């Protein structure tokens, strides 16, 4: 991996950590490559419990195998992959978060139970 790719990846990891902090995960931060405990589980962020977050920022569309790389543990049992595609200035950037289907259903159920679906769509 070249220096530009590493810099782009680091920058995007910091961006995602900042987004997590803005929504209330106050301890969210990018962990460093030499922090073995996090790296062995394929987590790119700390302080995002219960989410084990793997981040990919590629020119091509990242594959869903990013979700399969994550090894959940007791502190981070919910797998989440944050994927960004940046082809070029002329094409739109695609940014998505992927979780297991059963997790998505639980999130939807909670949104419905607490009447928060209108807020989800800007109502």
N, C-alpha and C. Protein backbone atom coordinates (compact mmCIF):
# COMPACT_ATOMS: atom_id res chain seq x y z
N UNK A 1 0.85 -1.17 0.00
CA UNK A 1 0.00 0.00 0.00
C UNK A 1 0.90 1.23 0.00
N UNK A 2 0.62 2.17 -0.90
CA UNK A 2 1.43 3.37 -1.00
C UNK A 2 1.12 4.39 0.07
N UNK A 3 1.99 5.38 0.16
CA UNK A 3 1.85 6.42 1.18
C UNK A 3 0.55 7.19 1.02
N UNK A 4 0.15 7.49 -0.22
CA UNK A 4 -1.09 8.24 -0.45
C UNK A 4 -2.29 7.42 0.03
N UNK A 5 -2.30 6.13 -0.25
CA UNK A 5 -3.40 5.26 0.19
C UNK A 5 -3.47 5.20 1.71
N UNK A 6 -2.29 5.06 2.36
CA UNK A 6 -2.28 5.02 3.84
C UNK A 6 -2.78 6.33 4.41
N UNK A 7 -2.36 7.46 3.83
CA UNK A 7 -2.80 8.77 4.32
C UNK A 7 -4.29 8.93 4.14
N UNK A 8 -4.82 8.51 2.98
CA UNK A 8 -6.26 8.59 2.72
C UNK A 8 -7.03 7.74 3.73
N UNK A 9 -6.54 6.52 3.99
CA UNK A 9 -7.20 5.64 4.94
C UNK A 9 -7.19 6.20 6.35
N UNK A 10 -6.03 6.73 6.76
CA UNK A 10 -5.91 7.33 8.09
C UNK A 10 -6.86 8.51 8.24
N UNK A 11 -6.91 9.34 7.22
CA UNK A 11 -7.77 10.52 7.24
C UNK A 11 -9.23 10.12 7.34
N UNK A 12 -9.63 9.10 6.58
CA UNK A 12 -11.03 8.67 6.63
C UNK A 12 -11.36 8.01 7.98
N UNK A 13 -10.43 7.26 8.54
CA UNK A 13 -10.65 6.69 9.88
C UNK A 13 -10.87 7.79 10.90
N UNK A 14 -10.07 8.86 10.84
CA UNK A 14 -10.26 10.00 11.75
C UNK A 14 -11.61 10.66 11.52
N UNK A 15 -12.03 10.78 10.26
CA UNK A 15 -13.33 11.37 9.93
C UNK A 15 -14.47 10.55 10.54
N UNK A 16 -14.40 9.23 10.40
CA UNK A 16 -15.44 8.36 10.94
C UNK A 16 -15.44 8.41 12.48
N UNK A 17 -14.26 8.43 13.08
CA UNK A 17 -14.18 8.54 14.55
C UNK A 17 -14.83 9.85 15.01
N UNK A 18 -14.58 10.93 14.30
CA UNK A 18 -15.19 12.22 14.64
C UNK A 18 -16.71 12.15 14.52
N UNK A 19 -17.21 11.49 13.48
CA UNK A 19 -18.66 11.33 13.31
C UNK A 19 -19.26 10.54 14.47
N UNK A 20 -18.57 9.48 14.92
CA UNK A 20 -19.04 8.72 16.08
C UNK A 20 -19.07 9.62 17.33
N UNK A 21 -18.02 10.45 17.51
CA UNK A 21 -18.01 11.35 18.68
C UNK A 21 -19.17 12.33 18.62
N UNK A 22 -19.50 12.82 17.45
CA UNK A 22 -20.58 13.80 17.30
C UNK A 22 -21.94 13.23 17.65
N UNK A 23 -22.10 11.91 17.54
CA UNK A 23 -23.39 11.30 17.89
C UNK A 23 -23.38 10.67 19.27
N UNK A 24 -22.33 10.94 20.06
CA UNK A 24 -22.35 10.52 21.46
C UNK A 24 -21.35 9.48 21.89
N UNK A 25 -20.56 8.94 20.98
CA UNK A 25 -19.50 7.99 21.36
C UNK A 25 -18.25 8.82 21.67
N UNK A 26 -18.23 9.45 22.84
CA UNK A 26 -17.22 10.47 23.16
C UNK A 26 -15.79 9.95 23.17
N UNK A 27 -15.60 8.65 23.34
CA UNK A 27 -14.24 8.09 23.38
C UNK A 27 -13.81 7.46 22.06
N UNK A 28 -14.59 7.66 21.00
CA UNK A 28 -14.24 7.07 19.71
C UNK A 28 -12.95 7.68 19.18
N UNK A 29 -12.05 6.80 18.78
CA UNK A 29 -10.77 7.27 18.22
C UNK A 29 -10.19 6.18 17.35
N UNK A 30 -9.36 6.60 16.43
CA UNK A 30 -8.64 5.68 15.56
C UNK A 30 -7.54 5.04 16.40
N UNK A 31 -7.39 3.74 16.28
CA UNK A 31 -6.28 3.12 17.00
C UNK A 31 -5.10 2.99 16.05
N UNK A 32 -3.93 2.89 16.61
CA UNK A 32 -2.71 2.83 15.82
C UNK A 32 -2.42 1.40 15.40
N UNK A 33 -1.71 1.25 14.29
CA UNK A 33 -1.46 -0.07 13.71
C UNK A 33 -0.75 -1.02 14.66
N UNK A 34 0.07 -0.50 15.56
CA UNK A 34 0.83 -1.38 16.43
C UNK A 34 0.06 -1.80 17.68
N UNK A 35 -1.16 -1.36 17.84
CA UNK A 35 -1.98 -1.78 18.98
C UNK A 35 -2.57 -3.15 18.65
N UNK A 36 -1.90 -4.18 19.07
CA UNK A 36 -2.18 -5.55 18.65
C UNK A 36 -3.58 -6.04 18.99
N UNK A 37 -4.10 -5.72 20.17
CA UNK A 37 -5.41 -6.25 20.56
C UNK A 37 -6.50 -5.85 19.57
N UNK A 38 -6.50 -4.58 19.18
CA UNK A 38 -7.51 -4.09 18.24
C UNK A 38 -7.26 -4.64 16.85
N UNK A 39 -6.01 -4.66 16.43
CA UNK A 39 -5.67 -5.09 15.07
C UNK A 39 -6.01 -6.56 14.86
N UNK A 40 -5.85 -7.39 15.88
CA UNK A 40 -6.13 -8.81 15.70
C UNK A 40 -7.61 -9.06 15.49
N UNK A 41 -8.44 -8.16 15.91
CA UNK A 41 -9.89 -8.29 15.73
C UNK A 41 -10.37 -7.53 14.49
N UNK A 42 -9.44 -6.92 13.75
CA UNK A 42 -9.75 -6.13 12.55
C UNK A 42 -10.60 -4.92 12.85
N UNK A 43 -10.44 -4.35 14.04
CA UNK A 43 -11.13 -3.11 14.38
C UNK A 43 -10.24 -1.93 14.03
N UNK A 44 -10.84 -0.89 13.45
CA UNK A 44 -10.09 0.32 13.14
C UNK A 44 -10.32 1.43 14.16
N UNK A 45 -11.39 1.31 14.96
CA UNK A 45 -11.70 2.35 15.95
C UNK A 45 -11.83 1.74 17.34
N UNK A 46 -11.50 2.52 18.34
CA UNK A 46 -11.76 2.19 19.75
C UNK A 46 -12.86 3.11 20.25
N UNK A 47 -13.51 2.72 21.34
CA UNK A 47 -14.51 3.58 21.98
C UNK A 47 -15.84 3.61 21.25
N UNK A 48 -16.13 2.58 20.47
CA UNK A 48 -17.39 2.53 19.72
C UNK A 48 -18.27 1.37 20.17
N UNK A 49 -18.06 0.88 21.39
CA UNK A 49 -18.82 -0.25 21.90
C UNK A 49 -20.31 0.03 21.77
N UNK A 50 -21.10 -0.92 21.34
CA UNK A 50 -20.81 -2.32 21.09
C UNK A 50 -20.34 -2.61 19.66
N UNK A 51 -20.06 -1.57 18.87
CA UNK A 51 -19.74 -1.77 17.46
C UNK A 51 -18.25 -2.00 17.23
N UNK A 52 -17.91 -3.11 16.60
CA UNK A 52 -16.55 -3.40 16.14
C UNK A 52 -16.47 -2.86 14.72
N UNK A 53 -15.80 -1.74 14.54
CA UNK A 53 -15.85 -1.00 13.27
C UNK A 53 -14.61 -1.24 12.42
N UNK A 54 -14.85 -1.68 11.20
CA UNK A 54 -13.82 -1.83 10.17
C UNK A 54 -14.09 -0.76 9.11
N UNK A 55 -13.07 -0.02 8.70
CA UNK A 55 -13.26 1.10 7.76
C UNK A 55 -12.45 0.84 6.50
N UNK A 56 -13.10 1.04 5.35
CA UNK A 56 -12.43 0.90 4.06
C UNK A 56 -12.75 2.14 3.22
N UNK A 57 -11.72 2.69 2.60
CA UNK A 57 -11.88 3.83 1.70
C UNK A 57 -11.11 3.51 0.43
N UNK A 58 -11.83 3.14 -0.61
CA UNK A 58 -11.20 2.67 -1.83
C UNK A 58 -11.67 3.46 -3.04
N UNK A 59 -10.89 3.42 -4.10
CA UNK A 59 -11.30 4.00 -5.36
C UNK A 59 -12.41 3.14 -5.98
N UNK A 60 -12.26 1.82 -5.90
CA UNK A 60 -13.31 0.91 -6.35
C UNK A 60 -14.29 0.74 -5.19
N UNK A 61 -15.44 0.18 -5.47
CA UNK A 61 -16.41 -0.08 -4.41
C UNK A 61 -15.86 -1.16 -3.49
N UNK A 62 -15.73 -0.90 -2.19
CA UNK A 62 -15.22 -1.91 -1.25
C UNK A 62 -16.18 -3.11 -1.20
N UNK A 63 -15.62 -4.27 -0.98
CA UNK A 63 -16.45 -5.47 -0.93
C UNK A 63 -17.01 -5.69 0.48
N UNK A 64 -18.04 -6.49 0.55
CA UNK A 64 -18.64 -6.80 1.84
C UNK A 64 -17.76 -7.71 2.68
N UNK A 65 -16.68 -8.22 2.10
CA UNK A 65 -15.79 -9.06 2.89
C UNK A 65 -15.18 -8.28 4.05
N UNK A 66 -15.24 -6.94 3.99
CA UNK A 66 -14.77 -6.13 5.12
C UNK A 66 -15.53 -6.49 6.39
N UNK A 67 -16.83 -6.79 6.26
CA UNK A 67 -17.62 -7.19 7.42
C UNK A 67 -17.18 -8.56 7.92
N UNK A 68 -16.82 -9.44 7.01
CA UNK A 68 -16.40 -10.79 7.39
C UNK A 68 -15.03 -10.79 8.08
N UNK A 69 -14.22 -9.77 7.83
CA UNK A 69 -12.89 -9.68 8.46
C UNK A 69 -12.98 -9.40 9.95
N UNK A 70 -14.06 -8.79 10.39
CA UNK A 70 -14.18 -8.36 11.79
C UNK A 70 -14.43 -9.57 12.68
N UNK A 71 -13.68 -9.64 13.76
CA UNK A 71 -13.85 -10.70 14.73
C UNK A 71 -14.41 -10.08 16.01
N UNK A 72 -15.75 -10.17 16.20
CA UNK A 72 -16.34 -9.57 17.39
C UNK A 72 -15.82 -10.25 18.66
N UNK A 73 -15.83 -9.49 19.76
CA UNK A 73 -15.45 -10.06 21.05
C UNK A 73 -16.43 -9.54 22.10
N UNK A 74 -16.18 -9.84 23.35
CA UNK A 74 -17.12 -9.47 24.41
C UNK A 74 -17.35 -7.96 24.50
N UNK A 75 -16.30 -7.18 24.29
CA UNK A 75 -16.44 -5.72 24.38
C UNK A 75 -17.02 -5.09 23.12
N UNK A 76 -16.85 -5.75 21.99
CA UNK A 76 -17.30 -5.23 20.70
C UNK A 76 -18.04 -6.35 19.95
N UNK A 77 -19.26 -6.71 20.39
CA UNK A 77 -19.93 -7.87 19.80
C UNK A 77 -20.64 -7.61 18.46
N UNK A 78 -20.86 -6.36 18.08
CA UNK A 78 -21.64 -6.05 16.88
C UNK A 78 -20.70 -5.59 15.76
N UNK A 79 -20.69 -6.35 14.66
CA UNK A 79 -19.83 -6.01 13.53
C UNK A 79 -20.43 -4.87 12.70
N UNK A 80 -19.59 -3.90 12.32
CA UNK A 80 -20.01 -2.82 11.44
C UNK A 80 -18.86 -2.48 10.50
N UNK A 81 -19.15 -2.42 9.21
CA UNK A 81 -18.15 -2.00 8.23
C UNK A 81 -18.60 -0.66 7.67
N UNK A 82 -17.72 0.32 7.68
CA UNK A 82 -18.00 1.62 7.08
C UNK A 82 -17.18 1.66 5.79
N UNK A 83 -17.88 1.78 4.67
CA UNK A 83 -17.25 1.66 3.36
C UNK A 83 -17.44 2.95 2.57
N UNK A 84 -16.37 3.40 1.93
CA UNK A 84 -16.44 4.62 1.12
C UNK A 84 -15.76 4.36 -0.21
N UNK A 85 -16.45 4.76 -1.28
CA UNK A 85 -15.87 4.66 -2.62
C UNK A 85 -15.62 6.08 -3.13
N UNK A 86 -14.40 6.34 -3.55
CA UNK A 86 -14.03 7.65 -4.10
C UNK A 86 -13.37 7.43 -5.45
N UNK A 87 -14.15 7.36 -6.49
CA UNK A 87 -13.60 7.08 -7.82
C UNK A 87 -12.79 8.26 -8.35
N UNK A 88 -13.46 9.37 -8.56
CA UNK A 88 -12.79 10.58 -9.03
C UNK A 88 -13.70 11.77 -8.78
N UNK A 89 -13.24 12.95 -9.09
CA UNK A 89 -14.02 14.16 -8.80
C UNK A 89 -15.34 14.19 -9.56
N UNK A 90 -15.40 13.54 -10.72
CA UNK A 90 -16.61 13.58 -11.55
C UNK A 90 -17.71 12.64 -11.05
N UNK A 91 -17.35 11.58 -10.34
CA UNK A 91 -18.37 10.63 -9.89
C UNK A 91 -18.70 10.87 -8.42
N UNK A 92 -19.92 10.51 -8.07
CA UNK A 92 -20.39 10.73 -6.70
C UNK A 92 -19.69 9.78 -5.74
N UNK A 93 -19.41 10.28 -4.55
CA UNK A 93 -18.84 9.45 -3.50
C UNK A 93 -19.96 8.62 -2.90
N UNK A 94 -19.67 7.36 -2.65
CA UNK A 94 -20.62 6.45 -2.01
C UNK A 94 -20.08 6.12 -0.63
N UNK A 95 -20.90 6.33 0.39
CA UNK A 95 -20.49 6.09 1.77
C UNK A 95 -21.61 5.31 2.45
N UNK A 96 -21.31 4.11 2.94
CA UNK A 96 -22.32 3.27 3.58
C UNK A 96 -21.78 2.63 4.84
N UNK A 97 -22.70 2.25 5.72
CA UNK A 97 -22.36 1.44 6.89
C UNK A 97 -23.12 0.13 6.75
N UNK A 98 -22.45 -0.98 6.99
CA UNK A 98 -23.03 -2.30 6.82
C UNK A 98 -22.98 -3.02 8.16
N UNK A 99 -24.13 -3.57 8.55
CA UNK A 99 -24.20 -4.40 9.76
C UNK A 99 -24.88 -5.70 9.39
N UNK A 100 -24.78 -6.70 10.25
CA UNK A 100 -25.48 -7.95 10.03
C UNK A 100 -26.99 -7.68 9.98
N UNK A 101 -27.70 -8.48 9.20
CA UNK A 101 -29.13 -8.28 9.00
C UNK A 101 -29.91 -8.31 10.31
N UNK A 102 -29.59 -9.24 11.21
CA UNK A 102 -30.32 -9.31 12.48
C UNK A 102 -30.11 -8.06 13.32
N UNK A 103 -28.94 -7.45 13.23
CA UNK A 103 -28.68 -6.19 13.94
C UNK A 103 -29.53 -5.07 13.35
N UNK A 104 -29.62 -5.02 12.03
CA UNK A 104 -30.44 -4.00 11.39
C UNK A 104 -31.89 -4.13 11.82
N UNK A 105 -32.38 -5.37 11.89
CA UNK A 105 -33.76 -5.57 12.32
C UNK A 105 -33.97 -5.10 13.76
N UNK A 106 -33.00 -5.35 14.63
CA UNK A 106 -33.11 -4.87 16.02
C UNK A 106 -33.13 -3.35 16.07
N UNK A 107 -32.29 -2.71 15.26
CA UNK A 107 -32.27 -1.24 15.22
C UNK A 107 -33.61 -0.72 14.73
N UNK A 108 -34.15 -1.31 13.67
CA UNK A 108 -35.45 -0.89 13.15
C UNK A 108 -36.55 -1.08 14.18
N UNK A 109 -36.51 -2.22 14.88
CA UNK A 109 -37.51 -2.49 15.91
C UNK A 109 -37.46 -1.42 17.01
N UNK A 110 -36.25 -1.04 17.43
CA UNK A 110 -36.11 -0.01 18.46
C UNK A 110 -36.60 1.35 17.96
N UNK A 111 -36.28 1.69 16.72
CA UNK A 111 -36.76 2.95 16.15
C UNK A 111 -38.29 2.97 16.11
N UNK A 112 -38.89 1.87 15.72
CA UNK A 112 -40.35 1.78 15.64
C UNK A 112 -40.97 1.86 17.03
N UNK A 113 -40.42 1.12 18.01
CA UNK A 113 -40.96 1.10 19.37
C UNK A 113 -40.93 2.47 20.01
N UNK A 114 -39.93 3.27 19.68
CA UNK A 114 -39.77 4.58 20.31
C UNK A 114 -40.21 5.72 19.39
N UNK A 115 -40.97 5.37 18.37
CA UNK A 115 -41.54 6.36 17.44
C UNK A 115 -40.49 7.30 16.88
N UNK A 116 -39.35 6.75 16.46
CA UNK A 116 -38.25 7.58 15.93
C UNK A 116 -38.09 7.46 14.43
N UNK A 117 -38.96 6.72 13.76
CA UNK A 117 -38.81 6.56 12.31
C UNK A 117 -38.99 7.88 11.57
N UNK A 118 -39.87 8.76 12.04
CA UNK A 118 -40.05 10.06 11.39
C UNK A 118 -38.76 10.87 11.44
N UNK A 119 -38.05 10.80 12.56
CA UNK A 119 -36.78 11.53 12.68
C UNK A 119 -35.74 10.97 11.72
N UNK A 120 -35.82 9.68 11.43
CA UNK A 120 -34.88 9.05 10.52
C UNK A 120 -34.96 9.63 9.12
N UNK A 121 -36.15 9.97 8.69
CA UNK A 121 -36.36 10.51 7.34
C UNK A 121 -36.53 12.01 7.34
N UNK A 122 -36.17 12.66 8.43
CA UNK A 122 -36.18 14.12 8.50
C UNK A 122 -37.54 14.72 8.81
N UNK A 123 -38.46 13.95 9.39
CA UNK A 123 -39.81 14.44 9.67
C UNK A 123 -39.87 15.23 10.88
